Structure formats: C-alpha cells, structure tokens
Amino acid sequence: MAVPKRKTSRSNTRSRRANWKAAPTALTTCPRCSAPRQPHVACPNCGTYNGRHYAEAERTEHRA
C-alpha cells in the first residue's frame, strides 16, 4: 500500500479542496402553473407531474 513520504502542504490541500463546490439547484417552470420547480419532481405549487395530479406533492402550509 502506498504511503506518502512527506506531509501535504496547506496550499496543496486547500487548492485540492477548492474544487469541492456545491452546485446550484436546477429549476424549471411548471407547464401548468408556471411556478419554479425541480426537474423530474412533482410541482409543489399545483401538485402535477407529467400530466398527472399528485395531491401528496402539494404544499399544505398556507392552506386553511
């Protein structure tokens, strides 16, 4: 098994870790209500995906 002969410097460690960035979440618009939603996920606003309605996907926090 390979073992490093020297300690990795801070600049090498930090430059290697600089590439680990979080990618922004991709958003598309819902074809039914034009609300932003994630692709391949049911719309949280109207609850539709691929022409079907899913009641479990709708937001319930603003409902009375």
N, C-alpha and C. Protein backbone atom coordinates (compact mmCIF):
# COMPACT_ATOMS: atom_id res chain seq x y z
N MET A 1 0.84 -1.18 0.00
CA MET A 1 0.00 0.00 0.00
C MET A 1 0.88 1.25 0.00
N ALA A 2 0.56 2.22 -0.83
CA ALA A 2 1.37 3.42 -0.95
C ALA A 2 1.13 4.35 0.24
N VAL A 3 2.22 4.87 0.79
CA VAL A 3 2.16 5.78 1.92
C VAL A 3 2.93 7.05 1.54
N PRO A 4 2.37 8.26 1.79
CA PRO A 4 3.11 9.47 1.43
C PRO A 4 4.38 9.64 2.25
N LYS A 5 5.44 10.09 1.59
CA LYS A 5 6.72 10.29 2.28
C LYS A 5 6.76 11.61 3.03
N ARG A 6 6.00 12.62 2.56
CA ARG A 6 6.03 13.94 3.17
C ARG A 6 4.61 14.39 3.49
N LYS A 7 4.54 15.33 4.44
CA LYS A 7 3.25 15.93 4.79
C LYS A 7 2.79 16.82 3.64
N THR A 8 1.50 16.75 3.29
CA THR A 8 0.95 17.60 2.24
C THR A 8 0.81 19.02 2.78
N SER A 9 1.31 19.98 2.01
CA SER A 9 1.30 21.37 2.47
C SER A 9 -0.12 21.93 2.52
N ARG A 10 -0.29 23.02 3.23
CA ARG A 10 -1.61 23.66 3.34
C ARG A 10 -2.10 24.15 1.98
N SER A 11 -1.20 24.71 1.19
CA SER A 11 -1.62 25.24 -0.11
C SER A 11 -2.07 24.12 -1.05
N ASN A 12 -1.39 23.00 -1.02
CA ASN A 12 -1.81 21.87 -1.85
C ASN A 12 -3.15 21.30 -1.37
N THR A 13 -3.30 21.20 -0.07
CA THR A 13 -4.55 20.68 0.48
C THR A 13 -5.71 21.60 0.15
N ARG A 14 -5.51 22.90 0.34
CA ARG A 14 -6.60 23.86 0.11
C ARG A 14 -6.91 24.01 -1.37
N SER A 15 -5.90 23.95 -2.23
CA SER A 15 -6.18 24.05 -3.67
C SER A 15 -6.91 22.80 -4.16
N ARG A 16 -6.64 21.66 -3.56
CA ARG A 16 -7.38 20.44 -3.92
C ARG A 16 -8.83 20.54 -3.44
N ARG A 17 -9.04 21.06 -2.25
CA ARG A 17 -10.39 21.17 -1.70
C ARG A 17 -11.19 22.31 -2.32
N ALA A 18 -10.53 23.22 -3.03
CA ALA A 18 -11.22 24.36 -3.64
C ALA A 18 -12.18 23.92 -4.73
N ASN A 19 -12.00 22.72 -5.27
CA ASN A 19 -12.87 22.24 -6.35
C ASN A 19 -14.14 21.60 -5.84
N TRP A 20 -14.26 21.40 -4.53
CA TRP A 20 -15.46 20.79 -3.96
C TRP A 20 -16.49 21.87 -3.67
N LYS A 21 -17.18 22.33 -4.71
CA LYS A 21 -18.17 23.39 -4.56
C LYS A 21 -19.56 22.80 -4.72
N ALA A 22 -20.51 23.36 -4.01
CA ALA A 22 -21.90 22.94 -4.16
C ALA A 22 -22.48 23.55 -5.43
N ALA A 23 -23.15 22.73 -6.21
CA ALA A 23 -23.77 23.22 -7.45
C ALA A 23 -25.15 23.80 -7.12
N PRO A 24 -25.55 24.89 -7.77
CA PRO A 24 -26.88 25.43 -7.50
C PRO A 24 -27.97 24.47 -7.98
N THR A 25 -29.10 24.51 -7.32
CA THR A 25 -30.22 23.64 -7.66
C THR A 25 -30.80 24.06 -9.00
N ALA A 26 -30.97 23.10 -9.90
CA ALA A 26 -31.56 23.39 -11.20
C ALA A 26 -33.06 23.56 -11.05
N LEU A 27 -33.61 24.61 -11.66
CA LEU A 27 -35.04 24.87 -11.60
C LEU A 27 -35.60 25.02 -13.00
N THR A 28 -36.81 24.52 -13.19
CA THR A 28 -37.56 24.71 -14.42
C THR A 28 -38.91 25.31 -14.05
N THR A 29 -39.68 25.69 -15.05
CA THR A 29 -41.01 26.22 -14.77
C THR A 29 -42.05 25.15 -15.01
N CYS A 30 -43.05 25.15 -14.18
CA CYS A 30 -44.15 24.19 -14.31
C CYS A 30 -44.98 24.56 -15.55
N PRO A 31 -45.30 23.60 -16.41
CA PRO A 31 -46.08 23.94 -17.61
C PRO A 31 -47.53 24.30 -17.29
N ARG A 32 -48.02 23.91 -16.11
CA ARG A 32 -49.42 24.20 -15.77
C ARG A 32 -49.58 25.54 -15.05
N CYS A 33 -48.75 25.78 -14.02
CA CYS A 33 -48.93 27.00 -13.21
C CYS A 33 -47.77 27.97 -13.32
N SER A 34 -46.73 27.62 -14.07
CA SER A 34 -45.54 28.46 -14.29
C SER A 34 -44.77 28.78 -13.01
N ALA A 35 -44.92 27.97 -11.98
CA ALA A 35 -44.14 28.15 -10.75
C ALA A 35 -42.80 27.45 -10.91
N PRO A 36 -41.75 27.93 -10.25
CA PRO A 36 -40.46 27.24 -10.34
C PRO A 36 -40.51 25.91 -9.61
N ARG A 37 -39.93 24.89 -10.22
CA ARG A 37 -39.89 23.56 -9.62
C ARG A 37 -38.64 22.85 -10.09
N GLN A 38 -38.26 21.78 -9.38
CA GLN A 38 -37.11 20.99 -9.77
C GLN A 38 -37.51 20.05 -10.90
N PRO A 39 -36.60 19.77 -11.84
CA PRO A 39 -36.94 18.84 -12.90
C PRO A 39 -37.11 17.42 -12.36
N HIS A 40 -38.00 16.66 -12.95
CA HIS A 40 -38.31 15.27 -12.60
C HIS A 40 -38.91 15.14 -11.21
N VAL A 41 -39.52 16.21 -10.69
CA VAL A 41 -40.16 16.22 -9.39
C VAL A 41 -41.53 16.87 -9.56
N ALA A 42 -42.53 16.39 -8.83
CA ALA A 42 -43.87 16.99 -8.92
C ALA A 42 -43.82 18.43 -8.44
N CYS A 43 -44.64 19.28 -9.04
CA CYS A 43 -44.68 20.70 -8.71
C CYS A 43 -45.22 20.87 -7.29
N PRO A 44 -44.50 21.59 -6.42
CA PRO A 44 -45.01 21.79 -5.06
C PRO A 44 -46.17 22.76 -5.00
N ASN A 45 -46.39 23.54 -6.06
CA ASN A 45 -47.46 24.53 -6.05
C ASN A 45 -48.80 23.89 -6.44
N CYS A 46 -48.83 23.20 -7.58
CA CYS A 46 -50.09 22.63 -8.05
C CYS A 46 -50.15 21.11 -7.94
N GLY A 47 -49.02 20.45 -7.71
CA GLY A 47 -49.01 19.00 -7.49
C GLY A 47 -49.09 18.17 -8.76
N THR A 48 -48.74 18.71 -9.91
CA THR A 48 -48.79 17.93 -11.14
C THR A 48 -47.39 17.53 -11.58
N TYR A 49 -47.32 16.38 -12.22
CA TYR A 49 -46.09 15.91 -12.83
C TYR A 49 -46.44 15.03 -14.00
N ASN A 50 -45.92 15.37 -15.17
CA ASN A 50 -46.11 14.60 -16.38
C ASN A 50 -47.60 14.43 -16.71
N GLY A 51 -48.38 15.49 -16.49
CA GLY A 51 -49.79 15.46 -16.82
C GLY A 51 -50.69 14.80 -15.79
N ARG A 52 -50.14 14.36 -14.68
CA ARG A 52 -50.92 13.71 -13.63
C ARG A 52 -50.91 14.58 -12.39
N HIS A 53 -51.94 14.46 -11.57
CA HIS A 53 -52.06 15.24 -10.34
C HIS A 53 -51.74 14.36 -9.15
N TYR A 54 -50.86 14.87 -8.29
CA TYR A 54 -50.47 14.16 -7.07
C TYR A 54 -50.79 15.07 -5.89
N ALA A 55 -51.81 14.70 -5.12
CA ALA A 55 -52.25 15.54 -4.00
C ALA A 55 -51.20 15.58 -2.89
N GLU A 56 -50.40 14.52 -2.75
CA GLU A 56 -49.39 14.48 -1.69
C GLU A 56 -48.26 15.47 -1.94
N ALA A 57 -48.07 15.88 -3.19
CA ALA A 57 -46.97 16.77 -3.53
C ALA A 57 -47.29 18.24 -3.29
N GLU A 58 -48.54 18.58 -3.08
CA GLU A 58 -48.92 19.98 -2.90
C GLU A 58 -48.50 20.48 -1.53
N ARG A 59 -48.13 21.75 -1.46
CA ARG A 59 -47.80 22.37 -0.18
C ARG A 59 -49.07 22.57 0.63
N THR A 60 -48.99 22.32 1.92
CA THR A 60 -50.17 22.48 2.78
C THR A 60 -49.95 23.55 3.84
N GLU A 61 -48.81 24.25 3.81
CA GLU A 61 -48.50 25.19 4.87
C GLU A 61 -49.36 26.44 4.82
N HIS A 62 -49.87 26.84 3.65
CA HIS A 62 -50.68 28.05 3.54
C HIS A 62 -52.17 27.76 3.42
N ARG A 63 -52.55 26.52 3.56
CA ARG A 63 -53.96 26.16 3.46
C ARG A 63 -54.66 26.34 4.78
N ALA A 64 -55.92 26.73 4.74
CA ALA A 64 -56.67 26.91 5.99
C ALA A 64 -57.51 25.71 6.32
